[in-house]
Amino acid sequence: MKSNLYINILKVVFYCSGLIPNLASAEYPKTDLDYMGLPIFCKEMHQEGNVGTARAQLWEKRLAGNGGIHHYCAGLFTYNLAWQTSDKTERKSRLKVALAEMDYPFHHGVSPNFVLLPKMYYDIGKVHEALEDYKSAIEMYQKSIERSPKTWMSYAALSDIYLKLNKTSDAITILEQGLEKKPDSKPLLKRLSKLKKPSKSQ
């Protein structure tokens, strides 16, 4: 008991002296406005007053094996909040918290066949990209594509990263791969057309 007290005192001392960083904590949505930018299941499963309802239980069945989907919802919300501040340090801190929340289900029993895995990988990729960890972002987008080859968003995100890295040929290749799976995707067609358009200097 005494040892725990000493540890807590030391934590306070170090925190006050600035030796322990003041890390942001995850933000959980509460109001209708908070839930507006999130998937509908976040609100219907977790908003106060909805927990335990027939609708919430239906989502629990649909999203069985989610490994703690409320953390994913909190991660999405915290990610959105990160872009509401102009303070780069605060934004980075929030993004890191969002990443930890979105990653939570993968360490707490999410099913390998969970229906939302492609979207979860995509969203985690967006956070890595925002943190300028392009290698990790690419890995997440690739995992999303492996899980859902006909979903255009990850192809588009990959091509955008390759352009940031001045890898135009890779950007074109991934767009062409996406169009093989989704030939009518306007976002992919638009990106590819822009990249293949001859420059005015030619």
Protein backbone atom coordinates (compact mmCIF):
# COMPACT_ATOMS: atom_id res chain seq x y z
CA MET A 1 0.00 0.00 0.00
CA LYS A 2 2.79 2.42 0.97
CA SER A 3 4.73 1.60 -2.19
CA ASN A 4 1.72 2.52 -4.34
CA LEU A 5 1.40 5.79 -2.44
CA TYR A 6 5.07 6.61 -3.05
CA ILE A 7 4.70 5.80 -6.74
CA ASN A 8 1.68 8.08 -7.07
CA ILE A 9 3.53 10.89 -5.26
CA LEU A 10 6.49 10.48 -7.62
CA LYS A 11 4.17 10.63 -10.61
CA VAL A 12 2.73 13.92 -9.37
CA VAL A 13 6.21 15.34 -8.77
CA PHE A 14 7.49 14.31 -12.20
CA TYR A 15 4.32 15.52 -13.91
CA CYS A 16 4.51 18.93 -12.22
CA SER A 17 8.17 19.25 -13.12
CA GLY A 18 7.39 18.57 -16.76
CA LEU A 19 9.22 15.24 -16.93
CA ILE A 20 6.05 13.35 -17.84
CA PRO A 21 4.39 14.65 -21.03
CA ASN A 22 0.82 15.88 -20.88
CA LEU A 23 -0.71 13.44 -23.33
CA ALA A 24 -4.17 13.91 -24.79
CA SER A 25 -6.80 11.36 -23.94
CA ALA A 26 -9.38 9.82 -26.22
CA GLU A 27 -12.53 11.82 -26.81
CA TYR A 28 -15.80 9.91 -26.76
CA PRO A 29 -18.76 11.34 -28.68
CA LYS A 30 -21.80 12.31 -26.62
CA THR A 31 -24.16 14.64 -28.48
CA ASP A 32 -26.03 14.15 -31.74
CA LEU A 33 -23.62 16.63 -33.30
CA ASP A 34 -20.65 14.57 -32.13
CA TYR A 35 -22.06 11.48 -33.80
CA MET A 36 -22.87 13.17 -37.11
CA GLY A 37 -19.46 12.47 -38.63
CA LEU A 38 -19.35 8.85 -37.47
CA PRO A 39 -20.83 5.58 -38.77
CA ILE A 40 -24.45 5.16 -37.69
CA PHE A 41 -23.68 2.11 -35.57
CA CYS A 42 -21.51 4.23 -33.25
CA LYS A 43 -24.54 6.27 -32.23
CA GLU A 44 -27.07 3.44 -32.18
CA MET A 45 -24.82 1.21 -30.07
CA HIS A 46 -23.09 3.63 -27.72
CA GLN A 47 -24.90 6.95 -27.29
CA GLU A 48 -26.46 7.37 -23.86
CA GLY A 49 -30.02 6.10 -24.00
CA ASN A 50 -29.32 3.70 -26.86
CA VAL A 51 -27.20 1.17 -24.98
CA GLY A 52 -29.05 -2.12 -24.58
CA THR A 53 -31.92 -1.20 -26.90
CA ALA A 54 -33.21 -3.59 -29.55
CA ARG A 55 -31.43 -1.55 -32.20
CA ALA A 56 -28.14 -1.70 -30.31
CA GLN A 57 -28.48 -5.44 -29.85
CA LEU A 58 -29.12 -5.84 -33.57
CA TRP A 59 -25.85 -4.02 -34.30
CA GLU A 60 -24.07 -6.22 -31.76
CA LYS A 61 -25.13 -9.25 -33.80
CA ARG A 62 -24.20 -7.66 -37.12
CA LEU A 63 -20.81 -6.60 -35.78
CA ALA A 64 -20.04 -9.72 -33.78
CA GLY A 65 -16.36 -10.24 -33.06
CA ASN A 66 -15.58 -6.51 -33.14
CA GLY A 67 -13.02 -6.55 -30.33
CA GLY A 68 -14.26 -3.30 -28.78
CA ILE A 69 -15.80 -1.26 -31.57
CA HIS A 70 -16.50 1.68 -29.21
CA HIS A 71 -12.74 2.34 -29.21
CA TYR A 72 -12.79 2.54 -33.01
CA CYS A 73 -15.66 5.03 -32.79
CA ALA A 74 -13.71 7.07 -30.23
CA GLY A 75 -10.70 6.98 -32.53
CA LEU A 76 -12.70 8.31 -35.46
CA PHE A 77 -14.14 11.08 -33.30
CA THR A 78 -10.72 12.04 -31.92
CA TYR A 79 -9.33 12.04 -35.47
CA ASN A 80 -12.05 14.49 -36.50
CA LEU A 81 -11.28 16.69 -33.50
CA ALA A 82 -7.60 16.74 -34.43
CA TRP A 83 -8.42 18.78 -37.52
CA GLN A 84 -10.35 21.37 -35.53
CA THR A 85 -7.19 22.81 -34.00
CA SER A 86 -4.51 24.87 -35.70
CA ASP A 87 -1.98 23.92 -33.01
CA LYS A 88 0.27 21.35 -34.69
CA THR A 89 1.49 19.87 -31.41
CA GLU A 90 -2.05 19.37 -30.13
CA ARG A 91 -3.13 17.93 -33.47
CA LYS A 92 -0.28 15.43 -33.49
CA SER A 93 -1.11 14.41 -29.93
CA ARG A 94 -4.75 13.85 -30.82
CA LEU A 95 -3.82 11.88 -33.92
CA LYS A 96 -1.65 9.56 -31.84
CA VAL A 97 -4.51 9.01 -29.41
CA ALA A 98 -6.87 8.36 -32.33
CA LEU A 99 -4.43 5.80 -33.70
CA ALA A 100 -4.23 3.97 -30.38
CA GLU A 101 -8.03 3.84 -30.11
CA MET A 102 -8.52 2.57 -33.67
CA ASP A 103 -5.83 -0.03 -33.11
CA TYR A 104 -7.41 -1.26 -29.86
CA PRO A 105 -9.70 -3.94 -31.39
CA PHE A 106 -6.72 -5.59 -33.12
CA HIS A 107 -5.23 -6.33 -29.71
CA HIS A 108 -8.47 -7.37 -28.06
CA GLY A 109 -9.89 -10.24 -30.03
CA VAL A 110 -11.27 -8.74 -33.23
CA SER A 111 -12.33 -11.55 -35.55
CA PRO A 112 -10.02 -12.12 -38.56
CA ASN A 113 -13.19 -12.13 -40.68
CA PHE A 114 -14.77 -9.06 -39.09
CA VAL A 115 -16.88 -7.30 -41.69
CA LEU A 116 -15.45 -3.81 -41.04
CA LEU A 117 -11.76 -4.72 -41.30
CA PRO A 118 -11.28 -3.10 -44.75
CA LYS A 119 -12.69 0.22 -43.49
CA MET A 120 -10.76 0.00 -40.23
CA TYR A 121 -7.48 -0.56 -42.08
CA TYR A 122 -8.31 2.38 -44.34
CA ASP A 123 -9.05 4.71 -41.43
CA ILE A 124 -5.88 3.67 -39.60
CA GLY A 125 -4.00 4.37 -42.81
CA LYS A 126 -5.44 7.90 -42.89
CA VAL A 127 -4.16 8.55 -39.38
CA HIS A 128 -0.69 7.27 -40.24
CA GLU A 129 -0.74 9.48 -43.33
CA ALA A 130 -1.72 12.51 -41.26
CA LEU A 131 1.24 11.73 -38.98
CA GLU A 132 3.42 11.54 -42.11
CA ASP A 133 4.23 7.90 -41.43
CA TYR A 134 3.80 7.00 -45.07
CA LYS A 135 5.29 3.52 -44.82
CA SER A 136 2.71 2.45 -42.24
CA ALA A 137 -0.07 4.20 -44.16
CA ILE A 138 0.82 2.29 -47.32
CA GLU A 139 0.77 -0.99 -45.40
CA MET A 140 -2.69 -0.24 -44.02
CA TYR A 141 -4.11 0.76 -47.41
CA GLN A 142 -2.69 -2.41 -48.93
CA LYS A 143 -4.33 -4.50 -46.20
CA SER A 144 -7.61 -2.75 -46.90
CA ILE A 145 -7.31 -3.60 -50.59
CA GLU A 146 -6.51 -7.22 -49.81
CA ARG A 147 -9.70 -7.45 -47.75
CA SER A 148 -11.91 -5.56 -50.17
CA PRO A 149 -10.40 -5.36 -53.69
CA LYS A 150 -13.43 -3.61 -55.17
CA THR A 151 -13.45 -0.66 -52.77
CA TRP A 152 -11.95 2.36 -54.53
CA MET A 153 -10.97 4.52 -51.52
CA SER A 154 -7.75 2.71 -50.60
CA TYR A 155 -6.53 2.69 -54.21
CA ALA A 156 -7.09 6.44 -54.35
CA ALA A 157 -5.36 6.99 -51.02
CA LEU A 158 -2.38 4.90 -52.12
CA SER A 159 -2.03 6.81 -55.37
CA ASP A 160 -2.15 10.12 -53.50
CA ILE A 161 0.65 8.99 -51.17
CA TYR A 162 2.78 7.80 -54.07
CA LEU A 163 2.40 11.24 -55.62
CA LYS A 164 3.52 12.85 -52.36
CA LEU A 165 6.60 10.64 -52.53
CA ASN A 166 7.19 11.58 -56.19
CA LYS A 167 6.44 8.02 -57.33
CA THR A 168 4.18 8.85 -60.25
CA SER A 169 4.59 5.49 -61.97
CA ASP A 170 3.52 3.68 -58.79
CA ALA A 171 0.53 6.00 -58.49
CA ILE A 172 -0.54 5.17 -62.04
CA THR A 173 -0.04 1.44 -61.48
CA ILE A 174 -2.19 1.32 -58.35
CA LEU A 175 -4.95 3.31 -60.07
CA GLU A 176 -4.91 0.89 -62.99
CA GLN A 177 -5.11 -2.03 -60.57
CA GLY A 178 -8.08 -0.42 -58.88
CA LEU A 179 -9.84 0.14 -62.19
CA GLU A 180 -9.41 -3.52 -63.05
CA LYS A 181 -11.57 -4.29 -60.03
CA LYS A 182 -13.81 -1.22 -60.24
CA PRO A 183 -13.87 -0.01 -63.89
CA ASP A 184 -16.59 2.60 -63.30
CA SER A 185 -14.94 4.34 -60.33
CA LYS A 186 -15.06 8.06 -61.11
CA PRO A 187 -12.48 9.05 -58.45
CA LEU A 188 -9.97 6.56 -59.85
CA LEU A 189 -10.72 7.47 -63.47
CA LYS A 190 -10.33 11.17 -62.69
CA ARG A 191 -6.98 10.65 -60.96
CA LEU A 192 -5.64 8.45 -63.75
CA SER A 193 -6.77 10.85 -66.46
CA LYS A 194 -5.02 13.73 -64.70
CA LEU A 195 -1.77 11.78 -64.35
CA LYS A 196 -1.76 10.63 -67.96
CA LYS A 197 -2.72 14.02 -69.37
CA PRO A 198 0.19 15.46 -71.40
CA SER A 199 1.79 18.52 -69.83
CA LYS A 200 1.51 21.87 -71.64
CA SER A 201 5.27 21.94 -72.12
CA GLN A 202 5.15 18.82 -74.30
